[in-house]
Amino acid sequence: MVPVRWLLVDRYLAVEQIPDVTCPVLQFHGAQDTIVPITLARRLFAAAPEKSATGVAKRFVELARADHNDVVLVAEPELHQALGEFLESLARRSEAGK
């Protein structure tokens, strides 16, 4: 038996790297994800800065029915709504700063 970590070529160090992110953070994750468990998504979100460098609060959107590869198929309305709201908030913030 060979430890899996010896075979992995790609290292995903997102939890260690996300504290350095300065842009606004919007994270989507399927609650039914069988590849990346929702607990890992929540851990990543918790490690992200509370706000971006411009003061935008981070946002997590849990898609109740979505697995890993079917987000658009089963949660398109929720996905579009959350993304639209996030982009609108950025646009309003940008307009207010002018």
N, C-alpha and C. Protein backbone atom coordinates (compact mmCIF):
# COMPACT_ATOMS: atom_id res chain seq x y z
N MET A 1 0.84 -1.18 0.00
CA MET A 1 0.00 0.00 0.00
C MET A 1 0.88 1.24 0.00
N VAL A 2 0.56 2.14 -0.91
CA VAL A 2 1.27 3.41 -1.00
C VAL A 2 0.33 4.51 -0.49
N PRO A 3 0.82 5.39 0.39
CA PRO A 3 -0.04 6.49 0.85
C PRO A 3 -0.48 7.36 -0.33
N VAL A 4 -1.73 7.73 -0.32
CA VAL A 4 -2.30 8.52 -1.41
C VAL A 4 -1.53 9.82 -1.60
N ARG A 5 -1.10 10.45 -0.52
CA ARG A 5 -0.40 11.74 -0.65
C ARG A 5 0.86 11.64 -1.49
N TRP A 6 1.46 10.44 -1.58
CA TRP A 6 2.65 10.26 -2.40
C TRP A 6 2.28 10.25 -3.88
N LEU A 7 1.05 9.88 -4.20
CA LEU A 7 0.61 9.78 -5.58
C LEU A 7 0.01 11.09 -6.11
N LEU A 8 -0.43 11.94 -5.21
CA LEU A 8 -1.06 13.18 -5.63
C LEU A 8 -0.03 14.14 -6.21
N VAL A 9 -0.30 14.60 -7.41
CA VAL A 9 0.60 15.56 -8.06
C VAL A 9 0.15 16.98 -7.71
N ASP A 10 -1.14 17.21 -7.78
CA ASP A 10 -1.69 18.53 -7.50
C ASP A 10 -2.03 18.66 -6.02
N ARG A 11 -1.58 19.74 -5.43
CA ARG A 11 -1.89 20.03 -4.03
C ARG A 11 -2.88 21.18 -4.03
N TYR A 12 -3.95 21.05 -3.32
CA TYR A 12 -4.96 22.09 -3.24
C TYR A 12 -4.86 22.75 -1.87
N LEU A 13 -4.17 23.86 -1.82
CA LEU A 13 -3.87 24.53 -0.57
C LEU A 13 -4.78 25.73 -0.34
N ALA A 14 -5.99 25.65 -0.79
CA ALA A 14 -6.90 26.78 -0.75
C ALA A 14 -7.10 27.32 0.66
N VAL A 15 -7.25 26.47 1.64
CA VAL A 15 -7.48 26.93 3.01
C VAL A 15 -6.29 27.73 3.52
N GLU A 16 -5.09 27.34 3.12
CA GLU A 16 -3.90 28.08 3.53
C GLU A 16 -3.73 29.38 2.75
N GLN A 17 -4.25 29.43 1.52
CA GLN A 17 -4.04 30.59 0.66
C GLN A 17 -5.17 31.62 0.72
N ILE A 18 -6.37 31.21 1.04
CA ILE A 18 -7.50 32.14 0.98
C ILE A 18 -7.40 33.31 1.95
N PRO A 19 -6.73 33.20 3.08
CA PRO A 19 -6.62 34.39 3.94
C PRO A 19 -5.94 35.58 3.25
N ASP A 20 -5.18 35.32 2.21
CA ASP A 20 -4.48 36.38 1.47
C ASP A 20 -5.31 37.00 0.35
N VAL A 21 -6.51 36.49 0.11
CA VAL A 21 -7.36 37.00 -0.97
C VAL A 21 -7.88 38.38 -0.56
N THR A 22 -7.79 39.33 -1.49
CA THR A 22 -8.25 40.69 -1.20
C THR A 22 -9.49 41.10 -1.99
N CYS A 23 -9.88 40.29 -2.97
CA CYS A 23 -11.06 40.62 -3.78
C CYS A 23 -12.32 40.13 -3.08
N PRO A 24 -13.49 40.60 -3.53
CA PRO A 24 -14.75 40.10 -2.96
C PRO A 24 -14.88 38.59 -3.17
N VAL A 25 -15.42 37.90 -2.17
CA VAL A 25 -15.55 36.44 -2.21
C VAL A 25 -17.03 36.05 -2.23
N LEU A 26 -17.40 35.32 -3.27
CA LEU A 26 -18.72 34.70 -3.37
C LEU A 26 -18.47 33.22 -3.62
N GLN A 27 -18.88 32.38 -2.69
CA GLN A 27 -18.62 30.94 -2.79
C GLN A 27 -19.95 30.20 -2.88
N PHE A 28 -20.07 29.37 -3.90
CA PHE A 28 -21.22 28.48 -4.07
C PHE A 28 -20.77 27.07 -3.74
N HIS A 29 -21.68 26.28 -3.15
CA HIS A 29 -21.34 24.88 -2.92
C HIS A 29 -22.62 24.06 -2.79
N GLY A 30 -22.61 22.90 -3.40
CA GLY A 30 -23.74 22.00 -3.32
C GLY A 30 -23.75 21.24 -2.00
N ALA A 31 -24.86 21.27 -1.32
CA ALA A 31 -24.99 20.57 -0.03
C ALA A 31 -24.90 19.06 -0.20
N GLN A 32 -25.19 18.56 -1.40
CA GLN A 32 -25.17 17.12 -1.66
C GLN A 32 -23.87 16.68 -2.34
N ASP A 33 -22.86 17.53 -2.33
CA ASP A 33 -21.60 17.26 -3.03
C ASP A 33 -20.96 15.97 -2.51
N THR A 34 -20.76 15.02 -3.41
CA THR A 34 -20.15 13.73 -3.06
C THR A 34 -18.66 13.70 -3.35
N ILE A 35 -18.13 14.78 -3.92
CA ILE A 35 -16.69 14.85 -4.23
C ILE A 35 -15.96 15.73 -3.21
N VAL A 36 -16.50 16.92 -2.98
CA VAL A 36 -15.94 17.83 -1.98
C VAL A 36 -17.05 18.06 -0.95
N PRO A 37 -16.94 17.45 0.20
CA PRO A 37 -18.00 17.57 1.21
C PRO A 37 -18.25 19.02 1.61
N ILE A 38 -19.49 19.32 1.94
CA ILE A 38 -19.89 20.67 2.35
C ILE A 38 -19.09 21.14 3.56
N THR A 39 -18.66 20.22 4.40
CA THR A 39 -17.86 20.62 5.56
C THR A 39 -16.54 21.26 5.13
N LEU A 40 -15.95 20.75 4.06
CA LEU A 40 -14.70 21.35 3.56
C LEU A 40 -14.97 22.72 2.95
N ALA A 41 -16.11 22.86 2.29
CA ALA A 41 -16.47 24.17 1.73
C ALA A 41 -16.67 25.19 2.84
N ARG A 42 -17.31 24.77 3.89
CA ARG A 42 -17.52 25.69 5.03
C ARG A 42 -16.18 26.06 5.69
N ARG A 43 -15.29 25.10 5.75
CA ARG A 43 -13.97 25.38 6.33
C ARG A 43 -13.21 26.40 5.49
N LEU A 44 -13.30 26.25 4.17
CA LEU A 44 -12.66 27.21 3.27
C LEU A 44 -13.26 28.59 3.45
N PHE A 45 -14.58 28.66 3.52
CA PHE A 45 -15.26 29.94 3.68
C PHE A 45 -14.87 30.59 5.01
N ALA A 46 -14.80 29.80 6.07
CA ALA A 46 -14.43 30.33 7.38
C ALA A 46 -13.02 30.92 7.37
N ALA A 47 -12.14 30.36 6.55
CA ALA A 47 -10.75 30.84 6.48
C ALA A 47 -10.60 32.10 5.63
N ALA A 48 -11.62 32.43 4.83
CA ALA A 48 -11.56 33.62 3.99
C ALA A 48 -11.69 34.87 4.85
N PRO A 49 -11.08 35.97 4.41
CA PRO A 49 -11.25 37.23 5.15
C PRO A 49 -12.73 37.61 5.21
N GLU A 50 -13.15 38.22 6.29
CA GLU A 50 -14.55 38.63 6.45
C GLU A 50 -14.97 39.61 5.38
N LYS A 51 -14.04 40.50 4.98
CA LYS A 51 -14.33 41.49 3.95
C LYS A 51 -13.15 41.60 2.99
N SER A 52 -13.47 42.06 1.78
CA SER A 52 -12.43 42.29 0.78
C SER A 52 -11.67 43.57 1.15
N ALA A 53 -10.63 43.85 0.39
CA ALA A 53 -9.86 45.07 0.60
C ALA A 53 -10.72 46.32 0.43
N THR A 54 -11.80 46.20 -0.33
CA THR A 54 -12.70 47.34 -0.55
C THR A 54 -13.92 47.31 0.37
N GLY A 55 -13.93 46.40 1.33
CA GLY A 55 -15.00 46.37 2.33
C GLY A 55 -16.21 45.54 2.00
N VAL A 56 -16.14 44.70 0.96
CA VAL A 56 -17.28 43.85 0.58
C VAL A 56 -17.25 42.58 1.44
N ALA A 57 -18.35 42.31 2.13
CA ALA A 57 -18.44 41.12 2.98
C ALA A 57 -18.46 39.86 2.13
N LYS A 58 -17.79 38.82 2.62
CA LYS A 58 -17.81 37.54 1.93
C LYS A 58 -19.21 36.96 1.99
N ARG A 59 -19.53 36.08 1.03
CA ARG A 59 -20.86 35.47 0.99
C ARG A 59 -20.76 34.01 0.59
N PHE A 60 -21.50 33.16 1.30
CA PHE A 60 -21.54 31.72 1.03
C PHE A 60 -22.96 31.36 0.63
N VAL A 61 -23.09 30.65 -0.47
CA VAL A 61 -24.40 30.21 -0.95
C VAL A 61 -24.40 28.69 -1.00
N GLU A 62 -25.19 28.09 -0.12
CA GLU A 62 -25.32 26.64 -0.10
C GLU A 62 -26.50 26.26 -0.98
N LEU A 63 -26.24 25.44 -1.95
CA LEU A 63 -27.27 24.99 -2.90
C LEU A 63 -27.76 23.63 -2.42
N ALA A 64 -28.92 23.62 -1.82
CA ALA A 64 -29.44 22.45 -1.10
C ALA A 64 -29.50 21.16 -1.91
N ARG A 65 -29.88 21.24 -3.17
CA ARG A 65 -30.07 20.02 -3.97
C ARG A 65 -28.87 19.68 -4.86
N ALA A 66 -27.87 20.53 -4.88
CA ALA A 66 -26.77 20.35 -5.83
C ALA A 66 -25.70 19.39 -5.33
N ASP A 67 -25.19 18.60 -6.27
CA ASP A 67 -24.03 17.74 -6.05
C ASP A 67 -22.83 18.53 -6.59
N HIS A 68 -21.78 17.85 -7.00
CA HIS A 68 -20.57 18.52 -7.45
C HIS A 68 -20.67 19.02 -8.89
N ASN A 69 -21.25 18.22 -9.77
CA ASN A 69 -21.25 18.53 -11.20
C ASN A 69 -22.62 18.89 -11.78
N ASP A 70 -23.61 19.07 -10.93
CA ASP A 70 -24.95 19.35 -11.47
C ASP A 70 -25.53 20.66 -10.98
N VAL A 71 -24.69 21.57 -10.54
CA VAL A 71 -25.15 22.83 -9.95
C VAL A 71 -26.12 23.56 -10.87
N VAL A 72 -25.75 23.75 -12.12
CA VAL A 72 -26.60 24.49 -13.06
C VAL A 72 -27.88 23.72 -13.35
N LEU A 73 -27.80 22.41 -13.41
CA LEU A 73 -28.99 21.60 -13.71
C LEU A 73 -30.03 21.64 -12.61
N VAL A 74 -29.60 21.61 -11.35
CA VAL A 74 -30.57 21.51 -10.26
C VAL A 74 -30.76 22.80 -9.47
N ALA A 75 -29.87 23.77 -9.65
CA ALA A 75 -29.97 24.98 -8.83
C ALA A 75 -29.77 26.26 -9.63
N GLU A 76 -30.08 26.22 -10.91
CA GLU A 76 -29.86 27.40 -11.76
C GLU A 76 -30.55 28.66 -11.24
N PRO A 77 -31.82 28.60 -10.84
CA PRO A 77 -32.46 29.83 -10.35
C PRO A 77 -31.74 30.43 -9.13
N GLU A 78 -31.38 29.58 -8.16
CA GLU A 78 -30.69 30.06 -6.96
C GLU A 78 -29.32 30.62 -7.31
N LEU A 79 -28.65 29.94 -8.22
CA LEU A 79 -27.32 30.37 -8.67
C LEU A 79 -27.41 31.74 -9.32
N HIS A 80 -28.32 31.91 -10.24
CA HIS A 80 -28.48 33.19 -10.94
C HIS A 80 -28.90 34.31 -9.98
N GLN A 81 -29.81 34.01 -9.08
CA GLN A 81 -30.26 35.03 -8.14
C GLN A 81 -29.11 35.51 -7.25
N ALA A 82 -28.38 34.57 -6.67
CA ALA A 82 -27.28 34.94 -5.78
C ALA A 82 -26.17 35.68 -6.52
N LEU A 83 -25.85 35.21 -7.71
CA LEU A 83 -24.83 35.88 -8.51
C LEU A 83 -25.28 37.27 -8.91
N GLY A 84 -26.53 37.40 -9.33
CA GLY A 84 -27.07 38.71 -9.70
C GLY A 84 -27.05 39.69 -8.53
N GLU A 85 -27.46 39.22 -7.36
CA GLU A 85 -27.46 40.08 -6.17
C GLU A 85 -26.04 40.53 -5.82
N PHE A 86 -25.11 39.61 -5.91
CA PHE A 86 -23.71 39.92 -5.59
C PHE A 86 -23.16 40.95 -6.57
N LEU A 87 -23.39 40.72 -7.86
CA LEU A 87 -22.89 41.66 -8.86
C LEU A 87 -23.56 43.03 -8.74
N GLU A 88 -24.85 43.05 -8.45
CA GLU A 88 -25.55 44.32 -8.24
C GLU A 88 -24.97 45.07 -7.04
N SER A 89 -24.66 44.35 -5.98
CA SER A 89 -24.08 45.01 -4.80
C SER A 89 -22.71 45.60 -5.12
N LEU A 90 -21.95 44.91 -5.96
CA LEU A 90 -20.65 45.45 -6.37
C LEU A 90 -20.83 46.69 -7.25
N ALA A 91 -21.80 46.63 -8.14
CA ALA A 91 -22.06 47.78 -9.02
C ALA A 91 -22.51 48.99 -8.20
N ARG A 92 -23.41 48.78 -7.24
CA ARG A 92 -23.88 49.88 -6.38
C ARG A 92 -22.72 50.48 -5.61
N ARG A 93 -21.87 49.62 -5.11
CA ARG A 93 -20.71 50.06 -4.33
C ARG A 93 -19.77 50.88 -5.21
N SER A 94 -19.60 50.42 -6.43
CA SER A 94 -18.73 51.13 -7.38
C SER A 94 -19.31 52.51 -7.72
N GLU A 95 -20.62 52.56 -7.95
CA GLU A 95 -21.28 53.83 -8.28
C GLU A 95 -21.20 54.80 -7.10
N ALA A 96 -21.37 54.28 -5.89
CA ALA A 96 -21.33 55.12 -4.70
C ALA A 96 -19.93 55.71 -4.48
N GLY A 97 -18.92 55.00 -4.95
CA GLY A 97 -17.54 55.45 -4.78
C GLY A 97 -17.10 56.46 -5.80
N LYS A 98 -17.93 56.73 -6.81
CA LYS A 98 -17.54 57.67 -7.86
C LYS A 98 -17.82 59.09 -7.46
